[in-house]
Amino acid sequence: LSERGIPAGSCFEELCLTPPEIISGIHREYLTAGASLVTTNSFGANALKFAAFGIESRTAEVNRSAATLAREAIAASGGKAWVAGSVGPLGLSGSEALARGIDREALFREQIAALLKGGCDLILLETFQDPEELSLALRIAKSLSDKPVITLIASPESGRLPGGAW
């Protein structure tokens, strides 16, 4: 997206609403190149992140749109591909969330439910560094659907996660 002139610090996920053509175009390019899985533009599409941009009330709408744009690009290409609903970490430990009055479960539930409603074939939980947070997101995804879930942990070069786990 930055290569297309979207400034750093922008809410990339909001582009699923205005202008969605940028996101649709990127999906079509991947499909034309032979992709068999398209990832939604929803990595940080949760109410916590959106509060900084004043659009937290549009969380479900953005996620549904992210999935719909991917699904429509696949249909328009005439090909067959999977839609993976991208969900990134909140970056808050359970104790941090509790201290700030943030309901991590509700945040993940809203995002994942909207991605599924928009037509995702699977959920992609990516770049988590806290195994407990990843476990929470996975439990929520599995409670909402029997669709496949892919989980990815991102670790620094040392291999030790920020909480100390290897």
Protein backbone atom coordinates (compact mmCIF):
# COMPACT_ATOMS: atom_id res chain seq x y z
CA LEU A 1 0.00 0.00 0.00
CA SER A 2 2.86 2.38 0.70
CA GLU A 3 4.12 1.71 -2.83
CA ARG A 4 0.75 3.00 -4.05
CA GLY A 5 1.19 6.31 -2.27
CA ILE A 6 -0.71 5.59 0.93
CA PRO A 7 1.18 7.50 3.63
CA ALA A 8 2.76 5.69 6.58
CA GLY A 9 0.62 6.10 9.68
CA SER A 10 -2.60 5.83 7.68
CA CYS A 11 -5.27 3.35 8.63
CA PHE A 12 -4.65 0.85 5.83
CA GLU A 13 -7.67 -1.23 6.81
CA GLU A 14 -10.01 1.74 6.29
CA LEU A 15 -9.14 1.52 2.58
CA CYS A 16 -11.60 -1.38 2.44
CA LEU A 17 -14.28 1.33 2.55
CA THR A 18 -12.69 4.35 0.87
CA PRO A 19 -11.37 3.85 -1.79
CA PRO A 20 -11.91 0.08 -1.99
CA GLU A 21 -10.64 -0.02 -5.59
CA ILE A 22 -7.05 0.05 -4.32
CA ILE A 23 -7.60 -3.10 -2.29
CA SER A 24 -9.59 -4.82 -5.05
CA GLY A 25 -6.83 -4.03 -7.53
CA ILE A 26 -4.16 -5.55 -5.32
CA HIS A 27 -6.24 -8.71 -4.88
CA ARG A 28 -6.68 -8.99 -8.67
CA GLU A 29 -2.93 -8.59 -9.22
CA TYR A 30 -2.19 -11.45 -6.83
CA LEU A 31 -4.80 -13.63 -8.50
CA THR A 32 -3.47 -12.83 -11.96
CA ALA A 33 -0.01 -13.83 -10.72
CA GLY A 34 -1.42 -17.22 -9.73
CA ALA A 35 -2.27 -16.85 -6.04
CA SER A 36 -4.54 -19.54 -4.67
CA LEU A 37 -5.08 -17.74 -1.36
CA VAL A 38 -5.93 -14.07 -0.91
CA THR A 39 -5.44 -12.43 2.48
CA THR A 40 -7.93 -9.78 3.54
CA ASN A 41 -6.78 -6.24 4.31
CA SER A 42 -7.82 -6.59 7.96
CA PHE A 43 -4.65 -7.29 9.96
CA GLY A 44 -5.27 -4.47 12.45
CA ALA A 45 -9.00 -4.07 11.86
CA ASN A 46 -10.09 -4.05 15.49
CA ALA A 47 -11.83 -1.42 17.60
CA LEU A 48 -8.73 -0.82 19.73
CA LYS A 49 -6.62 0.25 16.74
CA PHE A 50 -9.53 2.02 15.08
CA ALA A 51 -10.13 4.22 18.16
CA ALA A 52 -6.97 6.14 17.24
CA PHE A 53 -8.60 7.02 13.90
CA GLY A 54 -12.10 7.66 15.29
CA ILE A 55 -13.67 4.76 13.39
CA GLU A 56 -14.06 2.12 16.09
CA SER A 57 -17.83 2.00 15.42
CA ARG A 58 -17.06 0.77 11.88
CA THR A 59 -15.03 -2.29 12.89
CA ALA A 60 -17.55 -4.89 11.74
CA GLU A 61 -18.21 -2.98 8.51
CA VAL A 62 -14.50 -2.76 7.64
CA ASN A 63 -13.94 -6.48 8.28
CA ARG A 64 -17.00 -7.57 6.29
CA SER A 65 -15.88 -5.33 3.46
CA ALA A 66 -12.33 -6.72 3.60
CA ALA A 67 -13.66 -10.25 3.12
CA THR A 68 -16.19 -9.21 0.49
CA LEU A 69 -13.57 -7.37 -1.58
CA ALA A 70 -11.37 -10.47 -1.64
CA ARG A 71 -14.31 -12.73 -2.49
CA GLU A 72 -15.44 -10.39 -5.31
CA ALA A 73 -11.92 -10.20 -6.77
CA ILE A 74 -11.80 -14.00 -6.92
CA ALA A 75 -15.21 -14.15 -8.61
CA ALA A 76 -14.21 -11.47 -11.13
CA SER A 77 -11.02 -13.31 -11.98
CA GLY A 78 -12.96 -16.45 -12.79
CA GLY A 79 -10.47 -18.42 -10.76
CA LYS A 80 -10.66 -20.45 -7.64
CA ALA A 81 -8.90 -19.22 -4.55
CA TRP A 82 -9.34 -19.15 -0.82
CA VAL A 83 -10.05 -16.04 1.25
CA ALA A 84 -8.02 -15.89 4.46
CA GLY A 85 -9.31 -13.43 7.05
CA SER A 86 -6.22 -11.73 8.47
CA VAL A 87 -6.22 -11.04 12.23
CA GLY A 88 -3.20 -9.54 13.93
CA PRO A 89 -2.37 -9.31 17.61
CA LEU A 90 -3.72 -6.60 19.88
CA GLY A 91 -0.34 -6.39 21.58
CA LEU A 92 -1.78 -6.35 25.09
CA SER A 93 -1.14 -8.92 27.77
CA GLY A 94 -4.09 -10.09 29.80
CA SER A 95 -2.97 -8.00 32.77
CA GLU A 96 -2.45 -4.87 30.63
CA ALA A 97 -5.90 -5.27 29.11
CA LEU A 98 -7.48 -5.76 32.54
CA ALA A 99 -5.74 -2.67 33.93
CA ARG A 100 -6.99 -0.59 30.98
CA GLY A 101 -10.51 -2.06 30.99
CA ILE A 102 -10.08 -3.59 27.55
CA ASP A 103 -11.99 -6.76 26.69
CA ARG A 104 -9.62 -8.61 24.36
CA GLU A 105 -12.12 -11.40 23.81
CA ALA A 106 -14.77 -8.95 22.59
CA LEU A 107 -12.29 -7.27 20.25
CA PHE A 108 -11.25 -10.55 18.62
CA ARG A 109 -14.84 -11.83 18.53
CA GLU A 110 -16.11 -8.73 16.70
CA GLN A 111 -13.35 -8.85 14.10
CA ILE A 112 -13.41 -12.57 13.42
CA ALA A 113 -17.22 -12.79 13.30
CA ALA A 114 -17.36 -9.99 10.72
CA LEU A 115 -14.64 -11.61 8.58
CA LEU A 116 -16.59 -14.86 8.59
CA LYS A 117 -19.82 -13.03 7.76
CA GLY A 118 -18.03 -11.37 4.84
CA GLY A 119 -17.21 -14.77 3.34
CA CYS A 120 -13.78 -15.89 4.55
CA ASP A 121 -12.88 -19.51 3.95
CA LEU A 122 -10.43 -19.55 6.85
CA ILE A 123 -8.97 -17.31 9.55
CA LEU A 124 -5.28 -16.37 9.58
CA LEU A 125 -3.98 -15.36 13.03
CA GLU A 126 -0.64 -13.82 12.15
CA THR A 127 2.50 -12.38 13.76
CA PHE A 128 1.44 -13.01 17.35
CA GLN A 129 4.27 -12.90 19.91
CA ASP A 130 2.28 -13.78 23.03
CA PRO A 131 1.24 -17.45 23.06
CA GLU A 132 -1.56 -16.68 25.54
CA GLU A 133 -3.00 -13.99 23.26
CA LEU A 134 -2.74 -16.32 20.27
CA SER A 135 -4.51 -19.05 22.24
CA LEU A 136 -7.32 -16.62 23.12
CA ALA A 137 -7.79 -15.59 19.46
CA LEU A 138 -7.70 -19.24 18.34
CA ARG A 139 -10.30 -20.26 20.93
CA ILE A 140 -12.59 -17.45 19.77
CA ALA A 141 -12.15 -18.32 16.08
CA LYS A 142 -12.94 -21.98 16.76
CA SER A 143 -16.00 -21.01 18.83
CA LEU A 144 -17.42 -18.99 15.93
CA SER A 145 -16.89 -21.47 13.10
CA ASP A 146 -15.55 -24.84 12.12
CA LYS A 147 -13.55 -23.26 9.28
CA PRO A 148 -9.78 -23.80 9.28
CA VAL A 149 -7.55 -21.48 11.31
CA ILE A 150 -3.87 -20.89 10.55
CA THR A 151 -1.76 -19.54 13.41
CA LEU A 152 1.62 -17.85 13.08
CA ILE A 153 4.02 -16.73 15.79
CA ALA A 154 6.63 -14.08 15.03
CA SER A 155 9.76 -14.24 17.10
CA PRO A 156 12.88 -12.11 17.14
CA GLU A 157 16.15 -13.60 15.87
CA SER A 158 16.98 -14.80 19.36
CA GLY A 159 13.99 -17.13 19.20
CA ARG A 160 12.83 -15.95 22.61
CA LEU A 161 9.39 -14.32 22.64
CA PRO A 162 8.92 -11.08 24.61
CA GLY A 163 7.28 -13.02 27.49
CA GLY A 164 10.34 -15.25 27.76
CA ALA A 165 9.01 -18.35 25.95
CA TRP A 166 11.24 -20.08 23.39
